[in-house]
Protein backbone atom coordinates (compact mmCIF):
# COMPACT_ATOMS: atom_id res chain seq x y z
CA MET A 1 -18.27 -8.19 8.55
CA ARG A 2 -16.58 -10.99 10.46
CA ARG A 3 -14.63 -11.87 7.30
CA ILE A 4 -13.44 -8.27 7.01
CA CYS A 5 -12.30 -8.19 10.63
CA ALA A 6 -10.53 -11.49 10.21
CA ALA A 7 -8.87 -10.27 7.05
CA ALA A 8 -7.76 -7.13 8.82
CA CYS A 9 -6.41 -9.05 11.73
CA LEU A 10 -4.65 -11.50 9.51
CA THR A 11 -3.18 -8.68 7.53
CA LEU A 12 -1.94 -6.77 10.49
CA THR A 13 -0.66 -9.86 12.18
CA VAL A 14 1.32 -11.01 9.20
CA ILE A 15 2.86 -7.61 8.92
CA ALA A 16 3.64 -7.50 12.57
CA CYS A 17 5.78 -10.61 12.48
CA GLY A 18 8.91 -10.47 10.34
CA GLY A 19 12.73 -10.48 10.46
CA GLY A 20 14.82 -7.87 8.64
CA SER A 21 15.83 -4.29 8.29
CA LEU A 22 12.66 -2.46 9.33
CA THR A 23 12.24 -1.30 12.90
CA MET A 24 9.17 -2.58 14.72
CA THR A 25 7.60 0.86 14.39
CA GLU A 26 8.20 0.95 10.63
CA TYR A 27 6.99 -2.60 10.28
CA ALA A 28 3.80 -1.86 12.23
CA ALA A 29 3.15 1.27 10.16
CA GLU A 30 3.57 -0.61 6.87
CA SER A 31 1.38 -3.41 8.15
CA GLU A 32 -1.39 -1.00 9.01
CA VAL A 33 -1.33 0.39 5.46
CA ILE A 34 -1.43 -3.10 3.94
CA ALA A 35 -4.21 -4.16 6.29
CA ALA A 36 -6.29 -1.08 5.59
CA ASP A 37 -6.03 -1.78 1.87
CA VAL A 38 -7.21 -5.40 2.08
CA ILE A 39 -9.94 -4.55 4.58
CA GLY A 40 -11.22 -1.73 2.40
CA ARG A 41 -11.18 -3.78 -0.76
CA ILE A 42 -12.97 -6.74 0.83
CA ALA A 43 -15.52 -4.41 2.42
CA ALA A 44 -16.17 -2.81 -0.98
CA ALA A 45 -16.57 -6.22 -2.62
CA ASP A 46 -18.94 -7.34 0.16
CA ALA A 47 -21.02 -4.16 -0.14
CA ALA A 48 -21.26 -4.44 -3.92
CA TRP A 49 -22.21 -8.13 -3.70
CA GLU A 50 -24.89 -7.54 -1.08
CA SER A 51 -26.34 -4.44 -2.79
CA GLN A 52 -28.13 -6.35 -5.54
CA PRO A 53 -29.77 -9.73 -5.98
CA PRO A 54 -27.21 -12.56 -6.11
CA THR A 55 -26.49 -14.08 -9.52
CA PRO A 56 -23.76 -16.42 -10.74
CA GLU A 57 -22.19 -13.58 -12.76
CA ARG A 58 -22.13 -11.23 -9.79
CA ALA A 59 -20.75 -14.04 -7.58
CA LYS A 60 -17.90 -14.52 -10.04
CA ALA A 61 -17.12 -10.79 -10.01
CA TYR A 62 -17.29 -10.77 -6.20
CA TRP A 63 -14.82 -13.63 -5.84
CA GLU A 64 -12.48 -12.14 -8.43
CA ALA A 65 -12.36 -8.86 -6.46
CA ARG A 66 -12.01 -10.58 -3.10
CA LEU A 67 -9.26 -12.94 -4.24
CA ALA A 68 -7.39 -10.11 -5.98
CA ALA A 69 -7.37 -8.28 -2.64
CA ARG A 70 -6.10 -11.41 -0.85
CA HIS A 71 -3.35 -12.00 -3.42
CA ASP A 72 -2.21 -8.37 -3.36
CA PHE A 73 -2.15 -8.56 0.42
CA MET A 74 -0.01 -11.69 0.35
CA ASP A 75 2.38 -10.07 -2.17
CA ALA A 76 2.72 -7.00 0.06
CA VAL A 77 3.31 -9.10 3.17
CA HIS A 78 5.94 -11.19 1.41
CA ALA A 79 7.69 -7.96 0.35
CA LEU A 80 8.04 -6.79 3.96
CA ASP A 81 11.42 -7.03 5.62
CA PRO A 82 10.35 -7.32 9.27
CA PRO A 83 12.49 -6.99 12.39
CA GLY A 84 14.41 -10.14 13.32
CA GLU A 85 12.60 -10.57 16.60
CA PHE A 86 9.32 -11.11 14.72
CA ALA A 87 10.62 -13.48 12.05
CA ASP A 88 9.10 -16.66 13.49
CA PHE A 89 5.80 -14.98 14.20
CA HIS A 90 5.75 -13.42 10.73
CA ASN A 91 6.37 -16.78 9.08
CA ALA A 92 3.59 -18.41 11.08
CA ALA A 93 1.19 -15.62 10.16
CA VAL A 94 2.13 -15.84 6.48
CA GLU A 95 1.36 -19.55 6.61
CA VAL A 96 -2.09 -19.00 8.14
CA TYR A 97 -2.93 -16.16 5.74
CA GLY A 98 -1.84 -18.36 2.86
CA LYS A 99 -4.26 -21.02 4.11
CA VAL A 100 -7.04 -18.44 4.33
CA THR A 101 -6.38 -17.41 0.74
CA ALA A 102 -6.37 -21.04 -0.41
CA ALA A 103 -9.59 -21.73 1.50
CA GLU A 104 -11.27 -18.75 -0.13
CA GLU A 105 -10.04 -19.91 -3.55
CA ALA A 106 -11.73 -23.26 -2.89
CA LEU A 107 -14.85 -21.45 -1.72
CA ALA A 108 -14.85 -19.33 -4.90
CA ALA A 109 -14.61 -22.51 -6.97
CA ARG A 110 -17.52 -23.96 -5.02
CA SER A 111 -19.62 -20.84 -5.59
CA ALA A 112 -18.93 -21.09 -9.33
CA GLU A 113 -20.84 -24.39 -9.31
CA TYR A 114 -24.09 -22.68 -8.28
CA GLU A 115 -26.61 -22.13 -11.04
CA THR A 116 -28.82 -20.00 -8.80
CA PHE A 117 -28.49 -18.30 -5.44
CA THR A 118 -31.09 -18.16 -2.70
CA ASP A 119 -29.14 -15.66 -0.60
CA HIS A 120 -25.86 -13.77 -0.57
CA GLY A 121 -24.08 -15.99 1.93
CA GLN A 122 -25.24 -19.49 1.11
CA TRP A 123 -21.71 -20.63 0.21
CA TRP A 124 -20.59 -20.21 3.81
CA ASP A 125 -22.72 -23.23 4.76
CA THR A 126 -20.54 -25.64 2.79
CA PRO A 127 -17.48 -27.64 3.82
CA GLU A 128 -15.34 -25.01 2.05
CA GLY A 129 -17.14 -22.18 3.81
CA ARG A 130 -16.78 -23.79 7.22
CA ALA A 131 -13.07 -24.38 6.58
CA ALA A 132 -12.62 -20.71 5.65
CA ARG A 133 -14.42 -19.63 8.83
CA ALA A 134 -12.24 -21.90 10.96
CA LEU A 135 -9.15 -20.33 9.45
CA ASP A 136 -10.58 -16.92 10.30
CA ASP A 137 -10.48 -18.00 13.93
CA GLU A 138 -6.78 -18.86 13.58
CA GLY A 139 -6.17 -15.49 11.97
CA ILE A 140 -7.92 -13.71 14.81
CA ALA A 141 -5.74 -15.55 17.34
CA ILE A 142 -2.61 -14.51 15.45
CA CYS A 143 -3.82 -10.93 15.29
CA GLN A 144 -4.40 -10.88 19.03
CA ALA A 145 -0.93 -12.32 19.65
CA ALA A 146 0.64 -9.65 17.42
CA GLN A 147 -1.26 -6.93 19.25
CA ALA A 148 -0.03 -8.33 22.55
CA GLU A 149 3.56 -8.23 21.25
CA PHE A 150 3.19 -4.59 20.26
CA ASP A 151 1.47 -3.72 23.53
CA ALA A 152 4.27 -5.39 25.49
CA THR A 153 6.75 -2.89 24.06
CA ALA A 154 5.09 -0.20 26.19
CA GLN A 155 7.03 -1.59 29.16
CA ARG A 156 10.23 -0.51 27.44
CA ASP A 157 9.34 3.14 27.91
CA GLU A 158 10.63 3.12 31.47
CA PHE A 159 14.10 2.14 30.19
CA SER A 160 14.28 4.76 27.44
CA ASP A 161 16.97 6.78 29.28
CA ALA A 162 19.21 3.79 30.06
CA PRO A 163 22.33 4.26 27.89
CA TRP A 164 23.43 0.61 28.09
CA ILE A 165 20.26 -0.75 26.48
CA PRO A 166 20.41 -0.99 22.67
CA PRO A 167 17.97 1.30 20.83
CA GLU A 168 15.98 -1.59 19.34
CA LEU A 169 15.22 -2.81 22.86
CA LYS A 170 13.93 0.64 23.83
CA GLU A 171 11.52 0.96 20.92
CA VAL A 172 7.88 1.35 21.92
CA VAL A 173 5.40 0.38 19.22
CA ARG A 174 1.99 1.93 19.32
CA ALA A 175 -0.26 0.13 16.88
CA ALA A 176 -3.93 -0.70 16.92
CA LEU A 177 -4.51 -3.79 14.83
CA GLY A 178 -8.25 -3.86 15.32
CA CYS A 179 -8.43 -7.54 16.19
CA PRO A 180 -11.93 -8.88 16.91
CA GLU A 181 -12.59 -10.21 20.38
């Protein structure tokens, strides 16, 4: 479950941090869709994996599904054209999410070495598993920072009637990224 939350946060954070033609509201909405997809796919893979006894064949199928979700997520995030004010944040988030994907690829390779499994999560207690968990913590921090950025736009509401303020500086973004505490 922690992996799913981290994936969701990472997803939403990456989406919430770009530099282009989308408004912050559009960017946040697209990010929520992308995040929901990766979270749902990883949750489905986790549920399928944990529903039956672990075997090397099932582990391979699990990692294929999980990594496909991660790669599709990264493709979707790269395709976003975020607002300019989030460009630096977006780039930093993309970097962290890329590291998470790479760490999970290494963890998948490690799991492929197992001839038998004693439990569903034994791969997390490996150097690769610990590295992936540490990157989850970075992803959670980025998610929380993105949520704070969106929440800070609420202060703009009091200036919504000021004609001299550009529209992009009046935009209030209401998004719930679902970042873990």
